[in-house]
Amino acid sequence: MNARHHLLYLMLCVVSLLSVSLNSAADVILPSVDNKFVSVQEINPGRDAGFVVGDKLQRTMILTVKQPYELIKESLPIVGYEHRYRGQVSGIELTAIDVEESKERQQTVYTIHLEYQVFKSGRVVKPAILRGEIVKLRQQGSKDIKQFRMPSFNFRTSPLSVYGEVNLKNEMSPFVAPLKLHADKEWLMLKVAAVVLILCVLGLVYILGTSTWLPRMGGAFAKAYRKIGKLPEDAQGLQQAISTVHEAMHQVAGYSVFGNGVDQFLLQKPGFAPAKPEIERFFALSRQVFFDASTPLDLGAPPREWLKKFCRHMRDCERGLKPEVRA
């Protein structure tokens, strides 16, 4: 039993020594490569303040390595590596890395996409840093290894909530633009509503209006409708109103239309077809008023009132609308 304990103790000692030696090897500072052999272009996040727990930072490092050096890809940072700032864990972890390699004639371009995530939050705004990653370069056909430190990126992390009293004037960061309320969506909805309202008003004016300033509003039946409204409320006024409608129908058809020619009129002017029952009733009313007053005719309304409705429906047909027809 004691032998087993001794063996386990020896194994633990060996593992400890190996880990210490590996750490020591990883911490070895190599000489830096000459700048004439390597250059870097960095693409950092669009802002450098206001990051909270869970936010991700994307960086892109475009590393150009000239011959005879080449990048040792094993020296790139690995996912899960947690950065340290001044010896303390920064709470920023590398969550993804992707490398694209493009070989040219005298150089090789490595496009390194790095994604970091913030896992730590404080009570106040704190500075943070993505320290410059150190990569190793090897001279082709040689054991000469040098290192290159990429640029670092400084930013600030913010707490999720504010503790105690805060003076906004003193706490405003010059790196963050002031918050503004945008009403673009509301303005767009207001403009759309205004356009719809204008169209509805124009539609009502076109349907109910009696003026002639819009297209197809100065037709024969539109004029007859206005004229009927000015005639006296008596038998003579009714006869004049019927004659006015006859005149409008003759003007539309281009010839004199009588009761037996309704079908021919509608064949030439199909836009008036929805009002066929009313046209036939109009000719029946005309016969009653001018020729046979003894023949009863049920219009459902006084002749003068019905005639005004009929003329308005004919005006709607004239304008290309579909009026509500009442037989």
Protein backbone atom coordinates (compact mmCIF):
# COMPACT_ATOMS: atom_id res chain seq x y z
CA MET A 1 0.00 0.00 0.00
CA ASN A 2 2.89 2.33 0.81
CA ALA A 3 4.49 1.49 -2.54
CA ARG A 4 1.33 2.61 -4.33
CA HIS A 5 1.36 5.90 -2.46
CA HIS A 6 5.00 6.45 -3.40
CA LEU A 7 4.28 5.66 -7.06
CA LEU A 8 1.33 8.08 -7.15
CA TYR A 9 3.44 10.77 -5.52
CA LEU A 10 6.21 10.29 -8.10
CA MET A 11 3.70 10.54 -10.97
CA LEU A 12 2.29 13.80 -9.58
CA CYS A 13 5.79 15.20 -9.28
CA VAL A 14 6.57 14.30 -12.90
CA VAL A 15 3.35 15.93 -14.16
CA SER A 16 4.11 19.07 -12.17
CA LEU A 17 7.61 19.27 -13.55
CA LEU A 18 6.33 18.82 -17.12
CA SER A 19 3.73 21.56 -16.73
CA VAL A 20 6.31 23.92 -15.24
CA SER A 21 8.70 23.22 -18.09
CA LEU A 22 5.96 23.75 -20.70
CA ASN A 23 4.91 27.03 -19.11
CA SER A 24 8.47 28.15 -18.98
CA ALA A 25 8.94 27.30 -22.64
CA ALA A 26 5.75 29.19 -23.54
CA ASP A 27 6.93 32.25 -21.62
CA VAL A 28 10.30 32.35 -23.38
CA ILE A 29 10.74 35.75 -25.00
CA LEU A 30 12.11 35.34 -28.50
CA PRO A 31 13.82 38.11 -30.48
CA SER A 32 11.47 40.20 -32.57
CA VAL A 33 11.47 39.86 -36.33
CA ASP A 34 12.71 42.76 -38.40
CA ASN A 35 9.83 45.02 -39.47
CA LYS A 36 10.93 44.85 -43.08
CA PHE A 37 9.78 41.23 -43.20
CA VAL A 38 6.34 41.63 -41.64
CA SER A 39 3.55 44.19 -41.58
CA VAL A 40 0.04 44.17 -40.15
CA GLN A 41 -3.22 45.94 -40.86
CA GLU A 42 -5.87 45.87 -38.15
CA ILE A 43 -9.65 46.24 -38.45
CA ASN A 44 -11.09 46.97 -35.01
CA PRO A 45 -14.69 47.30 -33.74
CA GLY A 46 -16.51 50.48 -34.71
CA ARG A 47 -16.66 51.72 -31.10
CA ASP A 48 -14.37 51.50 -28.10
CA ALA A 49 -16.81 52.00 -25.20
CA GLY A 50 -20.13 50.76 -23.90
CA PHE A 51 -19.42 47.01 -23.97
CA VAL A 52 -21.26 44.92 -21.34
CA VAL A 53 -21.34 41.26 -20.32
CA GLY A 54 -22.07 39.03 -23.30
CA ASP A 55 -21.01 41.52 -25.97
CA LYS A 56 -18.70 40.27 -28.69
CA LEU A 57 -15.80 42.12 -30.30
CA GLN A 58 -14.64 41.21 -33.78
CA ARG A 59 -11.12 42.02 -34.91
CA THR A 60 -9.43 41.27 -38.20
CA MET A 61 -5.65 41.24 -38.45
CA ILE A 62 -4.16 41.17 -41.96
CA LEU A 63 -0.62 39.91 -41.49
CA THR A 64 1.78 40.14 -44.43
CA VAL A 65 4.92 37.98 -44.07
CA LYS A 66 7.68 38.32 -46.61
CA GLN A 67 10.13 35.62 -47.56
CA PRO A 68 12.11 33.89 -46.17
CA TYR A 69 9.80 33.89 -43.12
CA GLU A 70 6.53 32.05 -42.68
CA LEU A 71 3.93 32.00 -39.91
CA ILE A 72 3.91 29.16 -37.41
CA LYS A 73 0.16 28.55 -37.22
CA GLU A 74 0.56 26.64 -33.95
CA SER A 75 1.54 29.92 -32.31
CA LEU A 76 -1.85 31.51 -33.02
CA PRO A 77 -4.13 31.97 -29.97
CA ILE A 78 -6.55 29.16 -29.27
CA VAL A 79 -10.25 29.38 -28.52
CA GLY A 80 -10.95 29.59 -24.82
CA TYR A 81 -7.83 31.60 -24.05
CA GLU A 82 -8.63 34.27 -21.45
CA HIS A 83 -6.72 37.53 -21.64
CA ARG A 84 -5.01 39.11 -18.68
CA TYR A 85 -4.59 42.80 -17.99
CA ARG A 86 -1.76 43.82 -15.67
CA GLY A 87 -1.55 40.30 -14.33
CA GLN A 88 -5.27 40.06 -13.55
CA VAL A 89 -7.86 38.05 -15.43
CA SER A 90 -9.62 40.53 -17.70
CA GLY A 91 -12.78 38.49 -18.20
CA ILE A 92 -12.36 38.62 -21.99
CA GLU A 93 -12.17 35.28 -23.77
CA LEU A 94 -11.34 34.32 -27.33
CA THR A 95 -14.44 32.53 -28.66
CA ALA A 96 -13.60 32.05 -32.34
CA ILE A 97 -10.68 32.30 -34.74
CA ASP A 98 -10.48 31.82 -38.48
CA VAL A 99 -7.39 32.12 -40.67
CA GLU A 100 -7.28 32.69 -44.42
CA GLU A 101 -3.98 32.25 -46.24
CA SER A 102 -3.11 33.82 -49.58
CA LYS A 103 0.30 33.12 -51.08
CA GLU A 104 1.83 35.61 -53.44
CA ARG A 105 5.12 35.75 -55.28
CA GLN A 106 7.40 37.09 -52.56
CA GLN A 107 5.08 37.10 -49.56
CA THR A 108 2.18 35.39 -47.83
CA VAL A 109 -0.88 37.24 -46.53
CA TYR A 110 -2.65 35.80 -43.47
CA THR A 111 -6.12 37.21 -42.74
CA ILE A 112 -6.88 36.35 -39.13
CA HIS A 113 -10.47 36.84 -37.92
CA LEU A 114 -10.70 36.97 -34.12
CA GLU A 115 -13.85 37.09 -31.99
CA TYR A 116 -13.75 37.92 -28.29
CA GLN A 117 -16.53 37.95 -25.72
CA VAL A 118 -16.83 39.90 -22.48
CA PHE A 119 -17.56 37.72 -19.44
CA LYS A 120 -16.91 40.18 -16.65
CA SER A 121 -18.73 43.25 -15.41
CA GLY A 122 -17.96 45.79 -12.71
CA ARG A 123 -19.87 48.37 -10.74
CA VAL A 124 -18.44 51.23 -12.78
CA VAL A 125 -16.98 51.80 -16.22
CA LYS A 126 -13.57 50.15 -16.46
CA PRO A 127 -10.80 50.18 -19.05
CA ALA A 128 -10.05 46.90 -20.80
CA ILE A 129 -7.61 45.79 -23.43
CA LEU A 130 -7.18 43.12 -26.03
CA ARG A 131 -3.46 42.74 -25.68
CA GLY A 132 -1.44 42.30 -28.79
CA GLU A 133 -1.34 38.63 -29.73
CA ILE A 134 2.18 37.26 -30.11
CA VAL A 135 2.78 34.99 -33.08
CA LYS A 136 5.95 33.19 -34.08
CA LEU A 137 7.66 33.25 -37.44
CA ARG A 138 10.11 30.71 -38.79
CA GLN A 139 12.73 31.17 -41.44
CA GLN A 140 12.25 28.64 -44.21
CA GLY A 141 14.87 25.88 -44.13
CA SER A 142 16.19 27.08 -40.78
CA LYS A 143 15.51 26.70 -37.08
CA ASP A 144 15.64 30.46 -36.58
CA ILE A 145 12.36 31.43 -34.85
CA LYS A 146 11.37 34.97 -34.07
CA GLN A 147 8.23 36.56 -32.69
CA PHE A 148 5.94 39.39 -33.73
CA ARG A 149 3.52 41.24 -31.45
CA MET A 150 0.32 42.46 -33.04
CA PRO A 151 -1.18 45.82 -32.00
CA SER A 152 -3.42 45.89 -28.95
CA PHE A 153 -6.93 47.37 -28.75
CA ASN A 154 -8.13 49.47 -25.81
CA PHE A 155 -11.81 49.81 -24.93
CA ARG A 156 -14.12 50.24 -21.93
CA THR A 157 -16.61 47.90 -20.32
CA SER A 158 -19.78 49.19 -18.66
CA PRO A 159 -21.97 47.77 -15.88
CA LEU A 160 -25.41 46.40 -16.66
CA SER A 161 -26.99 48.70 -14.08
CA VAL A 162 -26.05 51.90 -12.26
CA TYR A 163 -25.41 51.91 -8.51
CA GLY A 164 -26.20 54.94 -6.39
CA GLU A 165 -26.57 58.51 -7.58
CA VAL A 166 -25.07 59.38 -10.92
CA ASN A 167 -24.27 62.79 -12.29
CA LEU A 168 -24.94 62.33 -15.98
CA LYS A 169 -22.85 65.33 -16.91
CA ASN A 170 -19.79 63.85 -15.23
CA GLU A 171 -20.46 60.26 -16.30
CA MET A 172 -20.88 60.94 -20.01
CA SER A 173 -18.11 59.24 -21.92
CA PRO A 174 -16.55 61.21 -24.78
CA PHE A 175 -16.33 57.95 -26.71
CA VAL A 176 -20.09 57.37 -26.88
CA ALA A 177 -22.43 59.62 -28.81
CA PRO A 178 -25.47 60.95 -26.92
CA LEU A 179 -28.60 58.83 -27.12
CA LYS A 180 -31.28 60.20 -29.40
CA LEU A 181 -34.90 59.23 -29.91
CA HIS A 182 -35.56 58.60 -33.58
CA ALA A 183 -39.07 59.14 -34.89
CA ASP A 184 -38.36 58.07 -38.48
CA LYS A 185 -40.90 55.23 -38.35
CA GLU A 186 -43.61 57.47 -36.90
CA TRP A 187 -42.93 60.18 -39.48
CA LEU A 188 -43.19 57.61 -42.27
CA MET A 189 -46.53 56.35 -40.95
CA LEU A 190 -47.77 59.95 -40.66
CA LYS A 191 -46.80 60.68 -44.27
CA VAL A 192 -48.50 57.50 -45.51
CA ALA A 193 -51.65 58.38 -43.55
CA ALA A 194 -51.62 61.91 -45.01
CA VAL A 195 -51.33 60.55 -48.56
CA VAL A 196 -54.20 58.10 -47.95
CA LEU A 197 -56.32 60.91 -46.50
CA ILE A 198 -55.66 63.15 -49.51
CA LEU A 199 -56.56 60.33 -51.91
CA CYS A 200 -59.78 59.65 -49.98
CA VAL A 201 -60.74 63.34 -50.07
CA LEU A 202 -60.05 63.51 -53.81
CA GLY A 203 -62.12 60.36 -54.30
CA LEU A 204 -65.05 61.82 -52.40
CA VAL A 205 -64.77 65.08 -54.33
CA TYR A 206 -64.71 63.14 -57.57
CA ILE A 207 -67.72 61.01 -56.65
CA LEU A 208 -69.86 63.66 -54.94
CA GLY A 209 -68.54 66.85 -56.50
CA THR A 210 -70.45 68.83 -59.06
CA SER A 211 -67.57 70.93 -60.37
CA THR A 212 -65.81 70.35 -63.68
CA TRP A 213 -62.16 70.91 -62.73
CA LEU A 214 -61.33 67.18 -62.59
CA PRO A 215 -61.23 64.89 -65.67
CA ARG A 216 -64.63 63.51 -66.83
CA MET A 217 -66.49 65.75 -64.38
CA GLY A 218 -67.98 68.08 -67.00
CA GLY A 219 -70.13 65.53 -68.84
CA ALA A 220 -73.69 65.97 -70.05
CA PHE A 221 -75.32 64.29 -67.04
CA ALA A 222 -73.13 66.26 -64.62
CA LYS A 223 -74.42 69.47 -66.18
CA ALA A 224 -77.98 68.13 -66.16
CA TYR A 225 -77.70 67.23 -62.47
CA ARG A 226 -76.62 70.79 -61.61
CA LYS A 227 -79.36 72.27 -63.77
CA ILE A 228 -82.13 70.13 -62.23
CA GLY A 229 -81.21 71.36 -58.76
CA LYS A 230 -81.99 74.92 -59.84
CA LEU A 231 -85.44 74.24 -61.36
CA PRO A 232 -88.64 75.15 -59.46
CA GLU A 233 -90.50 72.56 -57.36
CA ASP A 234 -93.69 72.33 -59.45
CA ALA A 235 -95.16 70.47 -62.43
CA GLN A 236 -93.52 72.76 -64.93
CA GLY A 237 -90.17 72.29 -63.19
CA LEU A 238 -90.62 68.48 -63.40
CA GLN A 239 -91.24 68.71 -67.16
CA GLN A 240 -88.17 70.87 -67.60
CA ALA A 241 -86.12 68.40 -65.56
CA ILE A 242 -87.24 65.47 -67.73
CA SER A 243 -86.46 67.45 -70.87
CA THR A 244 -83.01 68.26 -69.47
CA VAL A 245 -82.30 64.56 -68.92
CA HIS A 246 -83.53 63.74 -72.46
CA GLU A 247 -81.18 66.35 -73.82
CA ALA A 248 -78.24 64.90 -71.84
CA MET A 249 -78.99 61.39 -73.08
CA HIS A 250 -79.22 62.59 -76.69
CA GLN A 251 -75.90 64.42 -76.26
CA VAL A 252 -74.19 61.29 -74.92
CA ALA A 253 -75.62 58.98 -77.59
CA GLY A 254 -75.18 61.40 -80.48
CA TYR A 255 -78.76 60.86 -81.60
CA SER A 256 -82.27 60.98 -80.16
CA VAL A 257 -82.90 58.09 -77.77
CA PHE A 258 -86.44 56.85 -77.14
CA GLY A 259 -87.91 54.14 -74.95
CA ASN A 260 -87.60 51.44 -77.58
CA GLY A 261 -83.95 52.26 -78.24
CA VAL A 262 -82.52 51.59 -74.77
CA ASP A 263 -80.80 48.35 -75.78
CA GLN A 264 -79.13 50.01 -78.76
CA PHE A 265 -78.00 52.91 -76.55
CA LEU A 266 -76.47 50.51 -73.99
CA LEU A 267 -74.81 48.53 -76.78
CA GLN A 268 -72.99 51.68 -77.89
CA LYS A 269 -72.45 52.99 -74.35
CA PRO A 270 -71.84 49.91 -72.15
CA GLY A 271 -70.70 52.09 -69.27
CA PHE A 272 -74.36 52.93 -68.59
CA ALA A 273 -75.47 49.26 -68.47
CA PRO A 274 -75.71 49.15 -64.63
CA ALA A 275 -78.42 51.82 -64.83
CA LYS A 276 -80.62 49.99 -67.40
CA PRO A 277 -83.60 49.44 -65.03
CA GLU A 278 -83.55 53.11 -64.09
CA ILE A 279 -83.31 54.22 -67.74
CA GLU A 280 -86.40 52.21 -68.56
CA ARG A 281 -88.22 53.74 -65.58
CA PHE A 282 -87.16 57.20 -66.76
CA PHE A 283 -88.80 56.70 -70.15
CA ALA A 284 -91.90 55.38 -68.39
CA LEU A 285 -91.93 58.54 -66.23
CA SER A 286 -91.50 60.70 -69.36
CA ARG A 287 -94.51 59.07 -71.03
CA GLN A 288 -96.59 59.54 -67.90
CA VAL A 289 -95.71 63.25 -67.51
CA PHE A 290 -96.02 64.27 -71.16
CA PHE A 291 -98.53 61.83 -72.71
CA ASP A 292 -100.46 59.62 -70.27
CA ALA A 293 -100.90 61.19 -66.85
CA SER A 294 -103.56 58.63 -65.93
CA THR A 295 -101.14 55.69 -65.98
CA PRO A 296 -99.95 55.01 -62.41
CA LEU A 297 -96.17 54.58 -61.93
CA ASP A 298 -94.63 53.51 -58.63
CA LEU A 299 -91.15 55.00 -58.34
CA GLY A 300 -90.80 54.48 -54.58
CA ALA A 301 -90.26 58.23 -54.15
CA PRO A 302 -91.71 61.52 -55.45
CA PRO A 303 -91.00 61.96 -59.18
CA ARG A 304 -88.76 65.00 -58.66
CA GLU A 305 -86.66 63.30 -55.97
CA TRP A 306 -86.37 60.08 -57.97
CA LEU A 307 -85.34 62.02 -61.07
CA LYS A 308 -82.49 63.70 -59.18
CA LYS A 309 -81.22 60.30 -57.96
CA PHE A 310 -81.47 58.90 -61.48
CA CYS A 311 -79.52 61.80 -62.92
CA ARG A 312 -76.84 61.41 -60.26
CA HIS A 313 -76.48 57.69 -61.06
CA MET A 314 -76.15 58.46 -64.76
CA ARG A 315 -73.50 61.02 -63.89
CA ASP A 316 -71.57 58.34 -61.97
CA CYS A 317 -71.76 56.01 -64.99
CA GLU A 318 -70.52 58.85 -67.12
CA ARG A 319 -67.45 59.17 -64.87
CA GLY A 320 -66.67 55.47 -65.05
CA LEU A 321 -67.98 54.67 -61.58
CA LYS A 322 -70.34 51.86 -60.62
CA PRO A 323 -73.35 53.40 -58.91
CA GLU A 324 -75.72 51.62 -56.60
CA VAL A 325 -78.65 50.80 -58.85
CA ARG A 326 -82.15 50.76 -57.47
CA ALA A 327 -84.75 49.28 -59.78
